[in-house]
Amino acid sequence: MRSDIMKKGVDRAPNRSLLKACGVTDAEMGKPFIAVANSYVGIVPGHVHLNRLGEIAREEIRAAGAVPFEFNTIGVDDGIAMGHGGMRYSLASRELIADSLETMVMAHPFDGMLCLTNCDKITPGMMMGSLRVNIPAVMVSGGPMEAGTLSSGKKVDLVSVFEGVGALKAGRISEAELKEIEDESCPTCGSCSGMFTANSMNCLAEVLGIALPGNGTILATDPERENLVRKAARRAVELAREGRNIREFVNARSLTNAMVLDIAMGGSTNTLLHALAVAHEAEIPFSLSRINELADRVPYICKVSPAGSYHIQDVARAGGVMAIMKELSTIPGLLDLDVVSVSGKTLGQMIAEAEVRDRDVIRTIDKAYSAKGGLAVLYGSLAPEGSVVKVGAVDPSMRVFEGPAVIFESQEAACDGILNGKVKAGDVVVIRYEGPSGGPGMQEMLAPTGSLMGMGLGDKVALVTDGRFSGGTRGACVGHISPEASAGGPIGLVVEGDRIRIDLNRRTIDLLVPEKELEQRRKSFKPLPPKVTRGYLARYASLVESGSRGAVLRTPGRPVF
């Protein structure tokens, strides 16, 4: 066993003595040591119940004849960090989580690992760390929260609150109505109830092959969630005994299957950022352009909030992720059904056990919302290295849009400008210096996009940024513009009033300024000075790659895959 290096032999008597201080007995020294990487955090709704799930996991690991050792990672709640400087730490925390997991697993050679995760950056951070150390590992999430219900019967979620702020400012709802939305939108523990980043990543984990079926859709409040944790804990022990490392399951084929699901569900644009980072850690060549190739073949068959009225609980009721994959498997050659999951079954075997139970939630291929999927990558003179849009959440009238640029040099300035009437119908809002390095940390833009929607401008205004969006963003919002402004990208050259054209049909985004004029601007261009000059964020800004390469941290002498 991997753990033998720290517990066997005369020379390891001091190590065993310290292990005994932790409660390990002589009889347990010969058993597999299983890490429980728990991301319990008391200020994150998706994680407040993970301490209880951690206890369940430890019990099950002991029952399976192994010894559990629990440790914790940090976790940032994107919604609570939203709209102020705290959001700069969100994406950057992904790297800290991966690094902390690597540190614990390499310092203490565990034989296997169960990762208890849930929310936005924690799940990809744990994926990255697990792939980096490459030991037997299983992911299991804490599950999604239930959608809220207003007295009118309308279903609401976190995005409803952000949009409610804009609606109040525009005089479309009263303070009492906003208060009810605030009180009812997040009614339980769990990850936010739409197809936002957390749920997108937890659904993808099933198809990527590193989580069991149900991981992405069983509600946090459903007793089946605890049963899933027990099953995942047992599988972690079994995989450790079999010596089957996580990279055995994560490969180019399983990653392609996972992105097919993402496109068919119109997942969060953040999934592309994280998919690139996961591919990097697994050393799988993967580029943004691959998304458009897949989107041409993958129909949009499951539309979940913010793009539609359904929530993750509806997807669970309709059969879950494997039911969606079962419908997609009817397209010849689209899926690789022979890839194996940590469940011990192939994708083909898992979908054979699935059933679509609601054809309104999971549509047939011939009744898809659109023939092309819900995500797209746009290229053009404004984004030579690419940009990302949740095309499935864009009003059809906005598929081709052109307008004058209204520029903000930060998210905070944009929030103030939008709520104070600086943006009008027909404009293209440009929020720059919010990229991975320039932000630093690539802040999410749910506050400004939610305000635009709430003010009734969602089908009249486009927004482009070198930052990123929440999975809850909807509308003609294009993020991850690369290169970013601080790196001298064209978004830094835009002048107030310049016209920008977005064409989702052609997947292009262009700054309609003659190249000769742009060349003159480049000669005099000076990026804004760094916003942060000390601490972790300053180090992060100096090492982070472009969003088009997953915003991973550079390692000297190692290529970005």
Protein backbone atom coordinates (compact mmCIF):
# COMPACT_ATOMS: atom_id res chain seq x y z
CA MET A 1 0.00 0.00 0.00
CA ARG A 2 1.07 3.57 -0.62
CA SER A 3 0.79 4.31 3.10
CA ASP A 4 3.36 1.62 3.99
CA ILE A 5 6.13 4.15 3.44
CA MET A 6 5.04 6.01 6.58
CA LYS A 7 3.96 3.13 8.82
CA LYS A 8 5.97 -0.07 8.17
CA GLY A 9 9.39 -1.11 9.42
CA VAL A 10 11.53 -0.43 12.47
CA ASP A 11 12.53 2.99 11.14
CA ARG A 12 8.88 4.06 11.18
CA ALA A 13 8.37 3.55 14.92
CA PRO A 14 8.28 7.36 15.49
CA ASN A 15 5.69 7.71 12.71
CA ARG A 16 3.53 4.97 14.23
CA SER A 17 3.84 6.56 17.64
CA LEU A 18 2.39 9.80 16.28
CA LEU A 19 -0.35 7.91 14.43
CA LYS A 20 -1.27 6.20 17.69
CA ALA A 21 -1.64 9.65 19.26
CA CYS A 22 -4.38 10.19 16.63
CA GLY A 23 -6.14 7.01 17.75
CA VAL A 24 -4.75 4.51 15.24
CA THR A 25 -4.29 1.02 16.73
CA ASP A 26 -1.71 -1.65 15.86
CA ALA A 27 -4.48 -3.64 14.18
CA GLU A 28 -5.31 -0.69 11.95
CA MET A 29 -1.73 -0.15 10.78
CA GLY A 30 -2.21 -2.87 8.17
CA LYS A 31 -5.43 -1.39 6.76
CA PRO A 32 -5.75 1.12 3.89
CA PHE A 33 -5.47 4.74 5.00
CA ILE A 34 -8.20 6.80 3.29
CA ALA A 35 -8.23 10.59 3.25
CA VAL A 36 -11.53 12.40 3.54
CA ALA A 37 -10.90 15.80 1.95
CA ASN A 38 -13.81 17.76 3.38
CA SER A 39 -14.63 21.30 2.31
CA TYR A 40 -16.99 22.04 5.21
CA VAL A 41 -17.23 25.83 5.63
CA GLY A 42 -19.77 27.51 7.89
CA ILE A 43 -20.42 30.51 5.62
CA VAL A 44 -21.12 28.57 2.39
CA PRO A 45 -24.71 27.22 2.06
CA GLY A 46 -23.51 24.41 -0.18
CA HIS A 47 -21.07 23.28 2.51
CA VAL A 48 -22.69 23.93 5.90
CA HIS A 49 -23.88 20.31 6.08
CA LEU A 50 -20.65 18.67 4.95
CA ASN A 51 -19.45 18.19 8.53
CA ARG A 52 -22.35 15.76 9.00
CA LEU A 53 -21.64 14.08 5.65
CA GLY A 54 -17.99 13.80 6.70
CA GLU A 55 -19.03 11.81 9.77
CA ILE A 56 -21.10 9.50 7.59
CA ALA A 57 -18.15 9.04 5.22
CA ARG A 58 -15.76 8.18 8.06
CA GLU A 59 -18.22 5.66 9.49
CA GLU A 60 -18.57 3.95 6.11
CA ILE A 61 -14.82 3.85 5.50
CA ARG A 62 -14.32 2.15 8.87
CA ALA A 63 -17.13 -0.29 8.11
CA ALA A 64 -15.38 -1.11 4.82
CA GLY A 65 -12.22 -2.11 6.73
CA ALA A 66 -10.10 1.01 6.22
CA VAL A 67 -8.93 3.90 8.40
CA PRO A 68 -10.32 7.40 7.62
CA PHE A 69 -8.33 10.61 8.11
CA GLU A 70 -10.29 13.80 7.56
CA PHE A 71 -8.80 17.15 6.61
CA ASN A 72 -10.37 20.37 5.39
CA THR A 73 -9.93 22.80 2.55
CA ILE A 74 -11.02 26.40 2.35
CA GLY A 75 -14.07 27.45 0.35
CA VAL A 76 -15.36 30.77 -1.00
CA ASP A 77 -19.07 31.43 -1.48
CA ASP A 78 -19.30 33.25 -4.80
CA GLY A 79 -22.69 34.77 -4.06
CA ILE A 80 -21.58 36.22 -0.72
CA ALA A 81 -18.26 37.38 -2.21
CA MET A 82 -20.10 38.93 -5.17
CA GLY A 83 -20.17 42.66 -5.81
CA HIS A 84 -17.11 43.62 -3.73
CA GLY A 85 -13.37 42.97 -3.66
CA GLY A 86 -13.83 39.58 -2.05
CA MET A 87 -14.77 38.11 -5.44
CA ARG A 88 -11.14 38.51 -6.55
CA TYR A 89 -10.31 35.60 -4.24
CA SER A 90 -12.87 33.18 -5.68
CA LEU A 91 -11.12 31.81 -8.76
CA ALA A 92 -7.74 32.21 -7.06
CA SER A 93 -8.99 29.92 -4.27
CA ARG A 94 -9.23 27.08 -6.79
CA GLU A 95 -5.44 26.93 -6.93
CA LEU A 96 -5.11 27.04 -3.14
CA ILE A 97 -7.54 24.14 -2.81
CA ALA A 98 -5.63 22.08 -5.38
CA ASP A 99 -2.35 22.94 -3.68
CA SER A 100 -3.64 22.12 -0.18
CA LEU A 101 -4.97 18.76 -1.34
CA GLU A 102 -1.63 18.01 -3.03
CA THR A 103 0.21 19.02 0.14
CA MET A 104 -1.84 16.77 2.44
CA VAL A 105 -1.74 13.74 0.15
CA MET A 106 1.98 13.99 -0.58
CA ALA A 107 2.98 14.77 3.02
CA HIS A 108 0.86 11.88 4.30
CA PRO A 109 0.87 9.07 1.72
CA PHE A 110 -2.78 8.00 1.84
CA ASP A 111 -3.89 4.95 -0.11
CA GLY A 112 -7.04 6.57 -1.43
CA MET A 113 -9.26 9.59 -1.02
CA LEU A 114 -12.88 10.69 -0.85
CA CYS A 115 -13.42 14.34 -1.83
CA LEU A 116 -16.47 15.94 -0.17
CA THR A 117 -17.18 19.02 -2.22
CA ASN A 118 -19.96 21.11 -3.71
CA CYS A 119 -19.59 24.73 -4.71
CA ASP A 120 -18.05 26.67 -7.53
CA LYS A 121 -14.25 26.58 -7.18
CA ILE A 122 -14.02 23.83 -4.61
CA THR A 123 -15.11 21.06 -6.98
CA PRO A 124 -12.66 21.91 -9.79
CA GLY A 125 -9.94 22.62 -7.22
CA MET A 126 -10.36 19.15 -5.76
CA MET A 127 -10.46 17.64 -9.25
CA MET A 128 -7.20 19.37 -10.13
CA GLY A 129 -5.47 18.35 -6.90
CA SER A 130 -6.65 14.73 -7.23
CA LEU A 131 -5.40 14.48 -10.80
CA ARG A 132 -2.09 16.05 -9.82
CA VAL A 133 -1.35 13.48 -7.09
CA ASN A 134 -3.04 10.68 -9.08
CA ILE A 135 -4.15 8.30 -6.34
CA PRO A 136 -7.46 6.38 -6.11
CA ALA A 137 -10.11 9.06 -5.53
CA VAL A 138 -13.87 9.54 -5.67
CA MET A 139 -15.72 12.86 -5.75
CA VAL A 140 -19.05 13.29 -3.98
CA SER A 141 -20.92 16.58 -3.66
CA GLY A 142 -23.21 17.86 -0.94
CA GLY A 143 -26.02 18.24 -3.48
CA PRO A 144 -28.14 21.14 -4.75
CA MET A 145 -30.55 23.18 -2.64
CA GLU A 146 -34.25 23.24 -3.35
CA ALA A 147 -35.69 26.07 -5.43
CA GLY A 148 -37.68 28.67 -3.51
CA THR A 149 -41.38 29.41 -3.96
CA LEU A 150 -43.05 32.82 -3.69
CA SER A 151 -46.57 33.30 -2.34
CA SER A 152 -47.67 33.64 -5.98
CA GLY A 153 -46.40 30.11 -6.63
CA LYS A 154 -43.49 31.28 -8.78
CA LYS A 155 -40.24 29.35 -8.39
CA VAL A 156 -37.20 31.49 -7.51
CA ASP A 157 -33.46 31.04 -6.94
CA LEU A 158 -30.39 33.16 -6.17
CA VAL A 159 -30.46 34.80 -9.61
CA SER A 160 -33.99 36.02 -8.83
CA VAL A 161 -32.55 38.09 -5.98
CA PHE A 162 -29.81 39.67 -8.10
CA GLU A 163 -32.34 40.50 -10.80
CA GLY A 164 -34.74 41.76 -8.14
CA VAL A 165 -32.25 44.48 -7.17
CA GLY A 166 -32.30 45.81 -10.74
CA ALA A 167 -36.08 45.49 -10.89
CA LEU A 168 -36.44 47.58 -7.71
CA LYS A 169 -34.10 50.26 -9.08
CA ALA A 170 -36.19 50.40 -12.27
CA GLY A 171 -39.41 50.71 -10.28
CA ARG A 172 -40.71 47.38 -11.54
CA ILE A 173 -41.18 45.82 -8.08
CA SER A 174 -41.62 47.14 -4.54
CA GLU A 175 -39.25 46.80 -1.58
CA ALA A 176 -41.71 44.35 -0.03
CA GLU A 177 -41.59 42.18 -3.15
CA LEU A 178 -37.79 42.21 -3.14
CA LYS A 179 -37.84 41.25 0.55
CA GLU A 180 -40.00 38.21 -0.22
CA ILE A 181 -37.67 37.18 -3.06
CA GLU A 182 -34.69 37.57 -0.70
CA ASP A 183 -36.38 35.52 2.01
CA GLU A 184 -37.56 32.66 -0.20
CA SER A 185 -34.93 32.18 -2.92
CA CYS A 186 -32.40 30.09 -0.97
CA PRO A 187 -34.58 27.95 1.32
CA THR A 188 -32.22 25.08 2.19
CA CYS A 189 -28.59 24.08 2.40
CA GLY A 190 -26.94 22.95 -0.83
CA SER A 191 -25.49 24.47 -3.97
CA CYS A 192 -27.71 27.07 -5.64
CA SER A 193 -30.63 25.43 -7.42
CA GLY A 194 -30.07 26.30 -11.09
CA MET A 195 -27.60 25.19 -13.76
CA PHE A 196 -24.98 27.39 -12.19
CA THR A 197 -21.28 26.56 -11.85
CA ALA A 198 -21.47 24.25 -8.82
CA ASN A 199 -24.23 22.07 -10.23
CA SER A 200 -22.67 22.15 -13.69
CA MET A 201 -19.37 20.80 -12.35
CA ASN A 202 -21.02 18.20 -10.11
CA CYS A 203 -23.06 16.92 -13.06
CA LEU A 204 -19.96 16.83 -15.24
CA ALA A 205 -18.14 14.79 -12.59
CA GLU A 206 -20.56 11.90 -13.18
CA VAL A 207 -19.73 11.75 -16.88
CA LEU A 208 -16.05 12.51 -16.40
CA GLY A 209 -16.04 9.24 -14.49
CA ILE A 210 -14.97 10.43 -11.05
CA ALA A 211 -18.34 10.51 -9.25
CA LEU A 212 -21.26 8.12 -8.94
CA PRO A 213 -24.60 8.59 -10.76
CA GLY A 214 -26.80 11.08 -8.90
CA ASN A 215 -23.84 13.18 -7.74
CA GLY A 216 -25.01 16.29 -9.59
CA THR A 217 -28.78 16.13 -9.08
CA ILE A 218 -29.86 14.42 -5.83
CA LEU A 219 -30.96 17.23 -3.50
CA ALA A 220 -28.91 18.08 -0.42
CA THR A 221 -32.06 17.53 1.69
CA ASP A 222 -32.93 14.15 0.13
CA PRO A 223 -32.01 11.13 2.32
CA GLU A 224 -30.59 9.59 -0.86
CA ARG A 225 -27.76 12.12 -0.65
CA GLU A 226 -26.48 10.45 2.53
CA ASN A 227 -26.77 7.04 0.85
CA LEU A 228 -24.72 8.38 -2.08
CA VAL A 229 -21.99 9.51 0.34
CA ARG A 230 -21.93 6.00 1.84
CA LYS A 231 -21.62 4.40 -1.61
CA ALA A 232 -18.87 6.84 -2.63
CA ALA A 233 -16.94 6.16 0.59
CA ARG A 234 -17.10 2.41 -0.02
CA ARG A 235 -15.93 2.86 -3.61
CA ALA A 236 -12.96 4.95 -2.42
CA VAL A 237 -11.85 2.04 -0.23
CA GLU A 238 -12.40 -0.52 -3.01
CA LEU A 239 -10.46 1.53 -5.54
CA ALA A 240 -7.59 1.94 -3.04
CA ARG A 241 -7.44 -1.83 -2.59
CA GLU A 242 -7.48 -2.30 -6.37
CA GLY A 243 -4.85 0.41 -6.88
CA ARG A 244 -6.92 2.18 -9.56
CA ASN A 245 -5.77 5.79 -9.71
CA ILE A 246 -8.00 8.65 -10.79
CA ARG A 247 -6.22 9.22 -14.11
CA GLU A 248 -7.37 5.77 -15.17
CA PHE A 249 -10.85 7.28 -15.48
CA VAL A 250 -10.09 10.82 -16.68
CA ASN A 251 -8.88 10.85 -20.25
CA ALA A 252 -9.61 12.58 -23.56
CA ARG A 253 -12.62 10.34 -24.17
CA SER A 254 -14.30 10.91 -20.80
CA LEU A 255 -13.54 14.64 -20.99
CA THR A 256 -15.24 14.83 -24.39
CA ASN A 257 -18.29 12.98 -23.00
CA ALA A 258 -18.44 15.45 -20.10
CA MET A 259 -18.33 18.46 -22.43
CA VAL A 260 -21.11 16.91 -24.52
CA LEU A 261 -23.29 16.89 -21.39
CA ASP A 262 -22.27 20.48 -20.58
CA ILE A 263 -23.28 21.69 -24.03
CA ALA A 264 -26.55 19.72 -24.02
CA MET A 265 -27.52 21.31 -20.68
CA GLY A 266 -26.17 24.80 -21.39
CA GLY A 267 -23.99 24.70 -18.30
CA SER A 268 -22.11 27.57 -16.73
CA THR A 269 -19.48 29.30 -18.88
CA ASN A 270 -17.12 28.68 -15.95
CA THR A 271 -17.11 24.98 -16.78
CA LEU A 272 -14.95 25.73 -19.82
CA LEU A 273 -12.41 27.51 -17.64
CA HIS A 274 -12.35 24.56 -15.25
CA ALA A 275 -12.33 21.94 -18.01
CA LEU A 276 -9.16 23.50 -19.39
CA ALA A 277 -7.60 23.42 -15.92
CA VAL A 278 -8.64 19.80 -15.33
CA ALA A 279 -7.22 18.83 -18.73
CA HIS A 280 -3.97 20.59 -17.81
CA GLU A 281 -3.59 18.59 -14.58
CA ALA A 282 -4.49 15.34 -16.37
CA GLU A 283 -2.03 16.26 -19.16
CA ILE A 284 -4.74 15.98 -21.82
CA PRO A 285 -4.41 18.33 -24.82
CA PHE A 286 -7.64 20.37 -24.94
CA SER A 287 -8.47 23.75 -26.46
CA LEU A 288 -11.45 26.10 -26.45
CA SER A 289 -12.01 25.55 -30.18
CA ARG A 290 -13.04 21.97 -29.37
CA ILE A 291 -16.24 23.32 -27.79
CA ASN A 292 -17.56 24.71 -31.07
CA GLU A 293 -16.81 21.44 -32.84
CA LEU A 294 -18.91 19.60 -30.27
CA ALA A 295 -21.66 22.24 -30.18
CA ASP A 296 -22.23 21.72 -33.89
CA ARG A 297 -23.21 18.12 -33.12
CA VAL A 298 -24.83 18.40 -29.68
CA PRO A 299 -28.46 19.58 -29.40
CA TYR A 300 -29.70 21.64 -26.47
CA ILE A 301 -32.14 19.24 -24.79
CA CYS A 302 -32.28 20.26 -21.12
CA LYS A 303 -32.81 23.96 -20.34
CA VAL A 304 -32.41 24.78 -16.66
CA SER A 305 -32.42 28.11 -14.79
CA PRO A 306 -31.19 30.73 -15.59
CA ALA A 307 -31.91 29.79 -19.22
CA GLY A 308 -35.27 28.20 -18.42
CA SER A 309 -37.86 27.73 -15.69
CA TYR A 310 -36.69 24.31 -14.48
CA HIS A 311 -34.26 23.70 -11.63
CA ILE A 312 -31.87 20.89 -10.74
CA GLN A 313 -34.54 19.21 -8.62
CA ASP A 314 -36.59 18.87 -11.81
CA VAL A 315 -33.65 17.25 -13.59
CA ALA A 316 -33.37 14.76 -10.71
CA ARG A 317 -37.08 14.02 -10.98
CA ALA A 318 -36.76 13.54 -14.74
CA GLY A 319 -34.05 10.91 -14.41
CA GLY A 320 -30.84 12.84 -13.77
CA VAL A 321 -27.63 13.14 -15.72
CA MET A 322 -27.61 9.57 -16.99
CA ALA A 323 -31.09 10.02 -18.47
CA ILE A 324 -29.79 13.01 -20.44
CA MET A 325 -26.84 10.93 -21.63
CA LYS A 326 -29.21 8.13 -22.61
CA GLU A 327 -31.07 10.50 -24.93
CA LEU A 328 -27.80 11.82 -26.36
CA SER A 329 -26.61 8.25 -27.00
CA THR A 330 -29.20 8.00 -29.77
CA ILE A 331 -26.96 10.24 -31.90
CA PRO A 332 -24.59 7.83 -33.69
CA GLY A 333 -20.94 8.24 -32.75
CA LEU A 334 -21.46 11.18 -30.39
CA LEU A 335 -20.55 9.45 -27.11
CA ASP A 336 -17.83 7.01 -26.16
CA LEU A 337 -19.89 4.46 -24.23
CA ASP A 338 -16.95 2.23 -23.32
CA VAL A 339 -15.25 4.62 -20.90
CA VAL A 340 -15.24 3.32 -17.32
CA SER A 341 -16.33 5.26 -14.24
CA VAL A 342 -15.22 4.96 -10.61
CA SER A 343 -18.54 3.13 -10.21
CA GLY A 344 -16.88 0.18 -11.96
CA LYS A 345 -19.33 0.44 -14.84
CA THR A 346 -18.99 1.84 -18.34
CA LEU A 347 -20.99 4.86 -19.41
CA GLY A 348 -23.01 2.54 -21.62
CA GLN A 349 -23.90 0.32 -18.67
CA MET A 350 -24.90 3.30 -16.52
CA ILE A 351 -27.19 4.85 -19.10
CA ALA A 352 -28.79 1.45 -19.77
CA GLU A 353 -30.07 1.65 -16.18
CA ALA A 354 -31.42 5.19 -16.64
CA GLU A 355 -34.88 6.30 -17.70
CA VAL A 356 -36.22 9.64 -18.91
CA ARG A 357 -39.26 10.27 -16.72
CA ASP A 358 -40.26 13.76 -17.89
CA ARG A 359 -40.02 14.71 -21.55
CA ASP A 360 -40.65 18.38 -20.80
CA VAL A 361 -37.49 18.57 -18.67
CA ILE A 362 -35.34 16.29 -20.86
CA ARG A 363 -36.42 16.66 -24.47
CA THR A 364 -35.99 14.20 -27.27
CA ILE A 365 -33.37 14.98 -29.92
CA ASP A 366 -36.02 15.85 -32.51
CA LYS A 367 -37.67 18.32 -30.10
CA ALA A 368 -34.48 19.97 -28.83
CA TYR A 369 -34.53 23.65 -27.91
CA SER A 370 -31.94 24.11 -30.64
CA ALA A 371 -29.92 21.85 -32.91
CA LYS A 372 -26.71 23.37 -31.57
CA GLY A 373 -25.78 23.32 -27.90
CA GLY A 374 -26.11 25.92 -25.17
CA LEU A 375 -22.45 27.06 -25.02
CA ALA A 376 -20.24 28.66 -27.65
CA VAL A 377 -16.77 30.13 -28.03
CA LEU A 378 -16.54 33.39 -29.99
CA TYR A 379 -13.44 34.60 -31.82
CA GLY A 380 -12.74 37.86 -33.60
CA SER A 381 -10.83 41.11 -33.49
CA LEU A 382 -11.99 41.81 -29.92
CA ALA A 383 -11.08 38.29 -28.73
CA PRO A 384 -8.30 36.80 -30.88
CA GLU A 385 -7.74 33.99 -28.34
CA GLY A 386 -11.42 33.40 -27.72
CA SER A 387 -14.31 34.27 -25.44
CA VAL A 388 -17.26 32.34 -24.00
CA VAL A 389 -21.03 32.83 -24.00
CA LYS A 390 -23.97 30.80 -22.67
CA VAL A 391 -25.76 31.07 -25.99
CA GLY A 392 -28.72 29.05 -24.74
CA ALA A 393 -29.56 31.84 -22.27
CA VAL A 394 -29.52 34.63 -24.88
CA ASP A 395 -32.79 36.09 -26.17
CA PRO A 396 -33.23 35.10 -29.85
CA SER A 397 -33.47 38.77 -30.80
CA MET A 398 -29.89 39.28 -29.56
CA ARG A 399 -28.17 36.60 -31.60
CA VAL A 400 -26.75 39.34 -33.81
CA PHE A 401 -26.16 42.61 -31.99
CA GLU A 402 -24.14 45.73 -32.65
CA GLY A 403 -23.82 48.85 -30.55
CA PRO A 404 -21.55 51.54 -29.10
CA ALA A 405 -19.23 50.70 -26.24
CA VAL A 406 -19.92 52.06 -22.75
CA ILE A 407 -16.71 51.42 -20.83
CA PHE A 408 -16.11 50.60 -17.18
CA GLU A 409 -12.65 49.88 -15.79
CA SER A 410 -13.96 47.61 -13.01
CA GLN A 411 -17.02 45.63 -11.97
CA GLU A 412 -17.71 48.06 -9.13
CA ALA A 413 -17.78 51.00 -11.56
CA ALA A 414 -20.10 49.02 -13.85
CA CYS A 415 -22.55 48.26 -11.03
CA ASP A 416 -22.75 51.92 -10.10
CA GLY A 417 -23.04 53.04 -13.72
CA ILE A 418 -25.77 50.56 -14.62
CA LEU A 419 -27.91 51.25 -11.54
CA ASN A 420 -27.49 55.01 -12.04
CA GLY A 421 -28.68 55.02 -15.66
CA LYS A 422 -25.41 55.33 -17.58
CA VAL A 423 -26.35 52.37 -19.80
CA LYS A 424 -29.22 52.60 -22.30
CA ALA A 425 -30.87 50.28 -24.79
CA GLY A 426 -28.60 49.49 -27.73
CA ASP A 427 -25.32 49.81 -25.80
CA VAL A 428 -22.53 47.27 -25.42
CA VAL A 429 -21.24 47.39 -21.85
CA VAL A 430 -17.48 46.80 -21.67
CA ILE A 431 -16.06 45.79 -18.28
CA ARG A 432 -12.29 45.41 -18.44
CA TYR A 433 -9.25 44.98 -16.19
CA GLU A 434 -11.12 42.11 -14.55
CA GLY A 435 -9.14 39.26 -16.17
CA PRO A 436 -7.14 36.61 -14.31
CA SER A 437 -4.13 38.90 -13.91
CA GLY A 438 -5.68 42.37 -14.21
CA GLY A 439 -8.55 41.75 -11.79
CA PRO A 440 -6.77 40.01 -10.32
CA GLY A 441 -8.85 36.87 -9.99
CA MET A 442 -11.35 37.25 -12.85
CA GLN A 443 -14.35 38.45 -10.86
CA GLU A 444 -17.81 37.13 -11.70
CA MET A 445 -20.29 39.63 -13.10
CA LEU A 446 -23.64 38.43 -11.75
CA ALA A 447 -24.34 41.77 -10.06
CA PRO A 448 -24.16 43.89 -13.26
CA THR A 449 -25.81 41.26 -15.47
CA GLY A 450 -28.52 40.67 -12.90
CA SER A 451 -29.14 44.41 -12.67
CA LEU A 452 -29.47 44.69 -16.46
CA MET A 453 -32.02 41.87 -16.48
CA GLY A 454 -33.95 43.30 -13.56
CA MET A 455 -34.08 46.75 -15.20
CA GLY A 456 -35.61 45.28 -18.35
CA LEU A 457 -32.47 45.72 -20.48
CA GLY A 458 -31.61 42.04 -20.82
CA ASP A 459 -32.78 41.87 -24.43
CA LYS A 460 -31.59 45.36 -25.33
CA VAL A 461 -27.99 45.54 -24.06
CA ALA A 462 -24.93 43.29 -24.52
CA LEU A 463 -22.09 42.99 -22.03
CA VAL A 464 -18.51 41.92 -22.73
CA THR A 465 -15.69 41.46 -20.24
CA ASP A 466 -12.27 39.93 -19.72
CA GLY A 467 -13.70 38.78 -16.40
CA ARG A 468 -16.18 35.95 -16.10
CA PHE A 469 -19.80 35.31 -15.26
CA SER A 470 -21.72 33.39 -12.66
CA GLY A 471 -23.45 30.30 -13.93
CA GLY A 472 -26.57 32.29 -13.10
CA THR A 473 -25.89 34.92 -15.75
CA ARG A 474 -28.23 35.14 -18.72
CA GLY A 475 -28.45 37.47 -21.69
CA ALA A 476 -25.98 38.51 -24.40
CA CYS A 477 -23.03 38.38 -22.02
CA VAL A 478 -19.63 37.41 -23.41
CA GLY A 479 -16.87 36.66 -20.91
CA HIS A 480 -13.26 35.46 -20.77
CA ILE A 481 -12.30 37.94 -23.53
CA SER A 482 -8.70 36.96 -24.29
CA PRO A 483 -6.11 38.37 -24.22
CA GLU A 484 -7.24 40.49 -21.27
CA ALA A 485 -6.79 44.26 -21.04
CA SER A 486 -3.84 44.13 -18.64
CA ALA A 487 -1.99 41.89 -21.13
CA GLY A 488 -2.51 44.39 -23.96
CA GLY A 489 -5.51 42.63 -25.47
CA PRO A 490 -7.79 44.53 -27.87
CA ILE A 491 -10.40 45.00 -25.12
CA GLY A 492 -7.91 47.42 -23.52
CA LEU A 493 -7.85 49.50 -26.73
CA VAL A 494 -11.59 50.12 -26.92
CA VAL A 495 -12.62 53.79 -26.73
CA GLU A 496 -16.02 55.00 -25.56
CA GLY A 497 -18.41 54.92 -28.49
CA ASP A 498 -16.48 52.35 -30.57
CA ARG A 499 -18.91 49.93 -32.16
CA ILE A 500 -18.78 46.26 -31.21
CA ARG A 501 -20.55 43.52 -33.15
CA ILE A 502 -21.53 40.14 -31.69
CA ASP A 503 -22.74 37.43 -34.07
CA LEU A 504 -23.69 34.21 -32.31
CA ASN A 505 -24.62 32.56 -35.59
CA ARG A 506 -21.08 32.98 -36.90
CA ARG A 507 -19.55 32.79 -33.40
CA THR A 508 -17.70 36.05 -33.84
CA ILE A 509 -17.09 39.15 -31.72
CA ASP A 510 -15.45 42.12 -33.42
CA LEU A 511 -14.31 45.61 -32.57
CA LEU A 512 -15.36 47.64 -35.62
CA VAL A 513 -12.30 49.88 -35.69
CA PRO A 514 -9.82 49.93 -38.64
CA GLU A 515 -6.62 48.02 -37.96
CA LYS A 516 -4.55 51.12 -38.73
CA GLU A 517 -6.35 53.00 -35.93
CA LEU A 518 -5.86 50.10 -33.52
CA GLU A 519 -2.15 50.03 -34.35
CA GLN A 520 -1.87 53.69 -33.39
CA ARG A 521 -3.66 53.00 -30.12
CA ARG A 522 -1.31 50.10 -29.34
CA LYS A 523 1.72 52.39 -29.61
CA SER A 524 0.43 54.65 -26.83
CA PHE A 525 -1.30 51.97 -24.77
CA LYS A 526 -0.34 51.64 -21.11
CA PRO A 527 -2.27 49.16 -18.96
CA LEU A 528 -3.63 50.34 -15.65
CA PRO A 529 -1.30 49.71 -12.70
CA PRO A 530 -1.87 46.53 -10.65
CA LYS A 531 -4.80 46.77 -8.25
CA VAL A 532 -3.13 44.49 -5.69
CA THR A 533 0.59 44.62 -4.85
CA ARG A 534 0.95 42.34 -1.81
CA GLY A 535 -0.21 39.01 -0.46
CA TYR A 536 -1.52 35.95 -2.26
CA LEU A 537 -3.41 37.84 -4.97
CA ALA A 538 -0.25 39.68 -6.03
CA ARG A 539 1.58 36.37 -6.36
CA TYR A 540 -1.39 34.88 -8.19
CA ALA A 541 -1.50 37.80 -10.66
CA SER A 542 2.18 37.33 -11.48
CA LEU A 543 1.78 33.62 -12.28
CA VAL A 544 -1.69 33.16 -13.76
CA GLU A 545 -2.24 32.20 -17.39
CA SER A 546 -4.89 33.61 -19.71
CA GLY A 547 -8.52 32.62 -19.32
CA SER A 548 -8.23 30.95 -22.73
CA ARG A 549 -5.81 28.52 -21.10
CA GLY A 550 -7.89 27.86 -18.00
CA ALA A 551 -6.33 30.54 -15.78
CA VAL A 552 -3.95 27.92 -14.40
CA LEU A 553 -0.74 28.97 -12.68
CA ARG A 554 2.47 28.82 -14.67
CA THR A 555 5.05 26.25 -13.59
CA PRO A 556 8.60 26.88 -14.85
CA GLY A 557 9.58 24.33 -17.47
CA ARG A 558 6.11 22.79 -17.76
CA PRO A 559 3.85 23.41 -20.76
CA VAL A 560 0.18 24.31 -20.46
CA PHE A 561 -1.85 21.48 -21.99
